[in-house]
Amino acid sequence: MDCQLKQYKSSVIQNSKNKKGQSSSSSQKRHNQMKENTDNQQLLLQHAKNMYRAGIQKFPTCTALRIQYAFFLMDQMNKKQESAAELNQANELSPPFED
């Protein structure tokens, strides 16, 4: 199985090849480009999420990683409940900051 970056690269290349074979109006081209940009952004966000999850699997007690992942979930993915769960996990793993 290829890594996710190779899969992403293959999908971008395939999308590019598919787009070359199509002829459409200027507005249709702009629409297609916007859709492709949105699709690419979603792929990148999903890849980043998968990388965070892999990091957490490898380093389950790393509170800094969990906090960064929580902010990513909140800011980029708009997943408030998942973000709160990660912050709770980090809080349970970490000694108090007051000490």
N, C-alpha and C. Protein backbone atom coordinates (compact mmCIF):
# COMPACT_ATOMS: atom_id res chain seq x y z
N MET A 1 0.84 -1.18 0.00
CA MET A 1 0.00 0.00 0.00
C MET A 1 0.89 1.25 0.00
N ASP A 2 0.58 2.16 -0.88
CA ASP A 2 1.35 3.41 -0.97
C ASP A 2 1.04 4.30 0.22
N CYS A 3 2.01 5.14 0.55
CA CYS A 3 1.77 6.12 1.61
C CYS A 3 0.75 7.14 1.11
N GLN A 4 0.22 7.91 2.03
CA GLN A 4 -0.86 8.84 1.68
C GLN A 4 -0.39 9.94 0.75
N LEU A 5 0.85 10.37 0.87
CA LEU A 5 1.34 11.42 -0.03
C LEU A 5 1.41 10.90 -1.47
N LYS A 6 1.84 9.64 -1.64
CA LYS A 6 1.86 9.07 -2.99
C LYS A 6 0.45 8.94 -3.54
N GLN A 7 -0.50 8.53 -2.69
CA GLN A 7 -1.88 8.44 -3.13
C GLN A 7 -2.42 9.80 -3.53
N TYR A 8 -2.10 10.82 -2.73
CA TYR A 8 -2.54 12.18 -3.03
C TYR A 8 -1.95 12.63 -4.36
N LYS A 9 -0.65 12.41 -4.55
CA LYS A 9 0.01 12.82 -5.78
C LYS A 9 -0.63 12.12 -6.99
N SER A 10 -0.90 10.83 -6.85
CA SER A 10 -1.53 10.08 -7.94
C SER A 10 -2.91 10.64 -8.27
N SER A 11 -3.67 10.99 -7.23
CA SER A 11 -5.01 11.51 -7.47
C SER A 11 -4.95 12.88 -8.16
N VAL A 12 -3.98 13.71 -7.78
CA VAL A 12 -3.83 15.02 -8.41
C VAL A 12 -3.45 14.84 -9.88
N ILE A 13 -2.53 13.94 -10.16
CA ILE A 13 -2.11 13.68 -11.54
C ILE A 13 -3.29 13.15 -12.35
N GLN A 14 -4.04 12.23 -11.77
CA GLN A 14 -5.19 11.66 -12.48
C GLN A 14 -6.24 12.73 -12.74
N ASN A 15 -6.51 13.59 -11.76
CA ASN A 15 -7.47 14.68 -11.95
C ASN A 15 -7.00 15.62 -13.06
N SER A 16 -5.71 15.89 -13.09
CA SER A 16 -5.15 16.76 -14.11
C SER A 16 -5.34 16.15 -15.50
N LYS A 17 -5.09 14.87 -15.63
CA LYS A 17 -5.26 14.19 -16.92
C LYS A 17 -6.73 14.21 -17.35
N ASN A 18 -7.62 13.98 -16.39
CA ASN A 18 -9.05 13.99 -16.71
C ASN A 18 -9.52 15.36 -17.15
N LYS A 19 -8.98 16.41 -16.55
CA LYS A 19 -9.39 17.77 -16.88
C LYS A 19 -8.92 18.17 -18.28
N LYS A 20 -7.74 17.65 -18.71
CA LYS A 20 -7.22 18.01 -20.03
C LYS A 20 -8.10 17.50 -21.15
N GLY A 21 -8.76 16.37 -20.92
CA GLY A 21 -9.60 15.79 -21.96
C GLY A 21 -10.95 16.46 -22.10
N GLN A 22 -11.28 17.34 -21.18
CA GLN A 22 -12.58 17.99 -21.21
C GLN A 22 -12.48 19.38 -21.84
N SER A 23 -13.49 19.74 -22.60
CA SER A 23 -13.55 21.11 -23.11
C SER A 23 -14.81 21.75 -22.55
N SER A 24 -14.68 22.96 -22.05
CA SER A 24 -15.84 23.64 -21.45
C SER A 24 -15.66 25.14 -21.54
N SER A 25 -16.70 25.84 -21.19
CA SER A 25 -16.67 27.30 -21.23
C SER A 25 -15.77 27.84 -20.12
N SER A 26 -15.49 29.13 -20.19
CA SER A 26 -14.62 29.77 -19.20
C SER A 26 -15.20 29.67 -17.80
N SER A 27 -16.50 29.92 -17.65
CA SER A 27 -17.12 29.83 -16.33
C SER A 27 -17.11 28.39 -15.82
N GLN A 28 -17.29 27.45 -16.70
CA GLN A 28 -17.24 26.03 -16.30
C GLN A 28 -15.83 25.66 -15.86
N LYS A 29 -14.84 26.19 -16.55
CA LYS A 29 -13.45 25.93 -16.17
C LYS A 29 -13.16 26.50 -14.79
N ARG A 30 -13.63 27.72 -14.54
CA ARG A 30 -13.44 28.33 -13.22
C ARG A 30 -14.13 27.51 -12.13
N HIS A 31 -15.33 27.06 -12.45
CA HIS A 31 -16.08 26.23 -11.50
C HIS A 31 -15.32 24.94 -11.21
N ASN A 32 -14.82 24.31 -12.25
CA ASN A 32 -14.06 23.07 -12.09
C ASN A 32 -12.79 23.31 -11.27
N GLN A 33 -12.13 24.44 -11.52
CA GLN A 33 -10.90 24.76 -10.79
C GLN A 33 -11.20 24.98 -9.31
N MET A 34 -12.29 25.69 -9.03
CA MET A 34 -12.66 25.92 -7.64
C MET A 34 -13.00 24.61 -6.94
N LYS A 35 -13.70 23.74 -7.63
CA LYS A 35 -14.05 22.44 -7.06
C LYS A 35 -12.79 21.61 -6.82
N GLU A 36 -11.87 21.64 -7.77
CA GLU A 36 -10.62 20.90 -7.63
C GLU A 36 -9.81 21.45 -6.45
N ASN A 37 -9.77 22.79 -6.30
CA ASN A 37 -9.05 23.39 -5.18
C ASN A 37 -9.67 22.97 -3.85
N THR A 38 -10.99 22.96 -3.79
CA THR A 38 -11.68 22.53 -2.57
C THR A 38 -11.39 21.07 -2.28
N ASP A 39 -11.43 20.24 -3.31
CA ASP A 39 -11.12 18.82 -3.15
C ASP A 39 -9.69 18.63 -2.66
N ASN A 40 -8.75 19.37 -3.25
CA ASN A 40 -7.35 19.27 -2.84
C ASN A 40 -7.17 19.71 -1.39
N GLN A 41 -7.86 20.78 -1.01
CA GLN A 41 -7.77 21.26 0.37
C GLN A 41 -8.30 20.20 1.34
N GLN A 42 -9.41 19.58 0.98
CA GLN A 42 -9.97 18.53 1.83
C GLN A 42 -9.02 17.34 1.95
N LEU A 43 -8.39 16.98 0.83
CA LEU A 43 -7.42 15.88 0.87
C LEU A 43 -6.25 16.22 1.79
N LEU A 44 -5.76 17.44 1.69
CA LEU A 44 -4.64 17.85 2.54
C LEU A 44 -5.03 17.88 4.01
N LEU A 45 -6.21 18.39 4.32
CA LEU A 45 -6.67 18.41 5.70
C LEU A 45 -6.83 17.00 6.25
N GLN A 46 -7.38 16.11 5.44
CA GLN A 46 -7.53 14.72 5.87
C GLN A 46 -6.17 14.06 6.08
N HIS A 47 -5.23 14.37 5.22
CA HIS A 47 -3.88 13.83 5.37
C HIS A 47 -3.23 14.35 6.65
N ALA A 48 -3.40 15.63 6.93
CA ALA A 48 -2.84 16.20 8.17
C ALA A 48 -3.48 15.53 9.39
N LYS A 49 -4.77 15.31 9.34
CA LYS A 49 -5.46 14.63 10.44
C LYS A 49 -4.91 13.22 10.64
N ASN A 50 -4.70 12.52 9.55
CA ASN A 50 -4.15 11.16 9.63
C ASN A 50 -2.73 11.17 10.19
N MET A 51 -1.96 12.19 9.83
CA MET A 51 -0.59 12.29 10.35
C MET A 51 -0.62 12.55 11.86
N TYR A 52 -1.51 13.42 12.32
CA TYR A 52 -1.64 13.65 13.76
C TYR A 52 -2.02 12.35 14.47
N ARG A 53 -2.98 11.62 13.91
CA ARG A 53 -3.41 10.36 14.54
C ARG A 53 -2.26 9.35 14.60
N ALA A 54 -1.49 9.28 13.53
CA ALA A 54 -0.35 8.36 13.53
C ALA A 54 0.67 8.78 14.59
N GLY A 55 0.89 10.08 14.72
CA GLY A 55 1.81 10.59 15.73
C GLY A 55 1.32 10.27 17.13
N ILE A 56 0.04 10.39 17.37
CA ILE A 56 -0.53 10.10 18.68
C ILE A 56 -0.45 8.60 18.98
N GLN A 57 -0.61 7.77 17.95
CA GLN A 57 -0.44 6.33 18.16
C GLN A 57 0.99 6.00 18.55
N LYS A 58 1.93 6.67 17.91
CA LYS A 58 3.34 6.40 18.18
C LYS A 58 3.79 7.01 19.51
N PHE A 59 3.26 8.18 19.84
CA PHE A 59 3.62 8.89 21.07
C PHE A 59 2.35 9.23 21.87
N PRO A 60 1.70 8.23 22.45
CA PRO A 60 0.40 8.47 23.10
C PRO A 60 0.46 9.37 24.33
N THR A 61 1.63 9.55 24.93
CA THR A 61 1.71 10.39 26.13
C THR A 61 2.26 11.79 25.84
N CYS A 62 2.42 12.15 24.59
CA CYS A 62 2.95 13.46 24.23
C CYS A 62 1.82 14.49 24.30
N THR A 63 1.81 15.24 25.38
CA THR A 63 0.73 16.21 25.58
C THR A 63 0.79 17.35 24.57
N ALA A 64 1.99 17.79 24.20
CA ALA A 64 2.11 18.88 23.22
C ALA A 64 1.48 18.48 21.89
N LEU A 65 1.69 17.24 21.46
CA LEU A 65 1.10 16.75 20.22
C LEU A 65 -0.42 16.74 20.31
N ARG A 66 -0.93 16.28 21.42
CA ARG A 66 -2.39 16.24 21.59
C ARG A 66 -2.99 17.65 21.60
N ILE A 67 -2.30 18.59 22.23
CA ILE A 67 -2.79 19.97 22.26
C ILE A 67 -2.76 20.58 20.86
N GLN A 68 -1.68 20.34 20.11
CA GLN A 68 -1.61 20.84 18.73
C GLN A 68 -2.71 20.23 17.88
N TYR A 69 -2.94 18.93 18.06
CA TYR A 69 -3.99 18.24 17.32
C TYR A 69 -5.36 18.83 17.67
N ALA A 70 -5.58 19.13 18.94
CA ALA A 70 -6.85 19.73 19.37
C ALA A 70 -7.07 21.08 18.69
N PHE A 71 -6.02 21.90 18.63
CA PHE A 71 -6.16 23.19 17.95
C PHE A 71 -6.39 23.00 16.45
N PHE A 72 -5.73 22.03 15.85
CA PHE A 72 -5.97 21.73 14.44
C PHE A 72 -7.43 21.33 14.23
N LEU A 73 -7.93 20.44 15.08
CA LEU A 73 -9.33 20.01 14.95
C LEU A 73 -10.29 21.19 15.06
N MET A 74 -10.00 22.09 15.99
CA MET A 74 -10.88 23.24 16.21
C MET A 74 -10.77 24.25 15.06
N ASP A 75 -9.55 24.63 14.72
CA ASP A 75 -9.35 25.71 13.75
C ASP A 75 -9.58 25.28 12.30
N GLN A 76 -9.06 24.14 11.93
CA GLN A 76 -9.09 23.73 10.52
C GLN A 76 -10.27 22.83 10.17
N MET A 77 -10.64 21.95 11.11
CA MET A 77 -11.68 20.97 10.80
C MET A 77 -13.04 21.34 11.41
N ASN A 78 -13.04 22.34 12.30
CA ASN A 78 -14.27 22.78 12.98
C ASN A 78 -14.94 21.63 13.73
N LYS A 79 -14.12 20.83 14.40
CA LYS A 79 -14.60 19.67 15.17
C LYS A 79 -14.43 19.98 16.66
N LYS A 80 -15.40 20.66 17.22
CA LYS A 80 -15.28 21.15 18.59
C LYS A 80 -15.29 20.01 19.61
N GLN A 81 -16.15 19.03 19.44
CA GLN A 81 -16.24 17.93 20.41
C GLN A 81 -14.97 17.08 20.40
N GLU A 82 -14.46 16.77 19.22
CA GLU A 82 -13.21 16.00 19.13
C GLU A 82 -12.06 16.79 19.73
N SER A 83 -12.05 18.10 19.50
CA SER A 83 -11.01 18.95 20.04
C SER A 83 -11.04 18.94 21.56
N ALA A 84 -12.23 19.08 22.12
CA ALA A 84 -12.37 19.05 23.57
C ALA A 84 -11.93 17.71 24.15
N ALA A 85 -12.24 16.62 23.45
CA ALA A 85 -11.83 15.29 23.92
C ALA A 85 -10.30 15.17 23.94
N GLU A 86 -9.65 15.70 22.92
CA GLU A 86 -8.18 15.65 22.89
C GLU A 86 -7.58 16.50 24.00
N LEU A 87 -8.16 17.67 24.26
CA LEU A 87 -7.66 18.51 25.35
C LEU A 87 -7.85 17.82 26.70
N ASN A 88 -8.97 17.12 26.86
CA ASN A 88 -9.19 16.36 28.10
C ASN A 88 -8.16 15.25 28.25
N GLN A 89 -7.86 14.56 27.15
CA GLN A 89 -6.84 13.51 27.18
C GLN A 89 -5.49 14.10 27.57
N ALA A 90 -5.13 15.22 26.99
CA ALA A 90 -3.86 15.87 27.30
C ALA A 90 -3.81 16.27 28.76
N ASN A 91 -4.92 16.76 29.27
CA ASN A 91 -5.00 17.17 30.67
C ASN A 91 -4.81 15.97 31.60
N GLU A 92 -5.39 14.83 31.25
CA GLU A 92 -5.26 13.63 32.07
C GLU A 92 -3.83 13.09 32.05
N LEU A 93 -3.13 13.25 30.95
CA LEU A 93 -1.78 12.72 30.81
C LEU A 93 -0.72 13.61 31.43
N SER A 94 -0.99 14.88 31.51
CA SER A 94 0.02 15.86 31.87
C SER A 94 -0.04 16.21 33.35
N PRO A 95 1.12 16.43 33.95
CA PRO A 95 1.11 16.95 35.32
C PRO A 95 0.58 18.39 35.29
N PRO A 96 0.08 18.87 36.41
CA PRO A 96 -0.45 20.25 36.41
C PRO A 96 0.64 21.26 36.07
N PHE A 97 0.23 22.32 35.38
CA PHE A 97 1.17 23.36 34.97
C PHE A 97 1.54 24.27 36.13
N GLU A 98 0.76 24.26 37.20
CA GLU A 98 1.01 25.17 38.32
C GLU A 98 2.29 24.81 39.08
N ASP A 99 2.72 23.57 39.05
CA ASP A 99 3.88 23.13 39.84
C ASP A 99 5.17 23.67 39.35
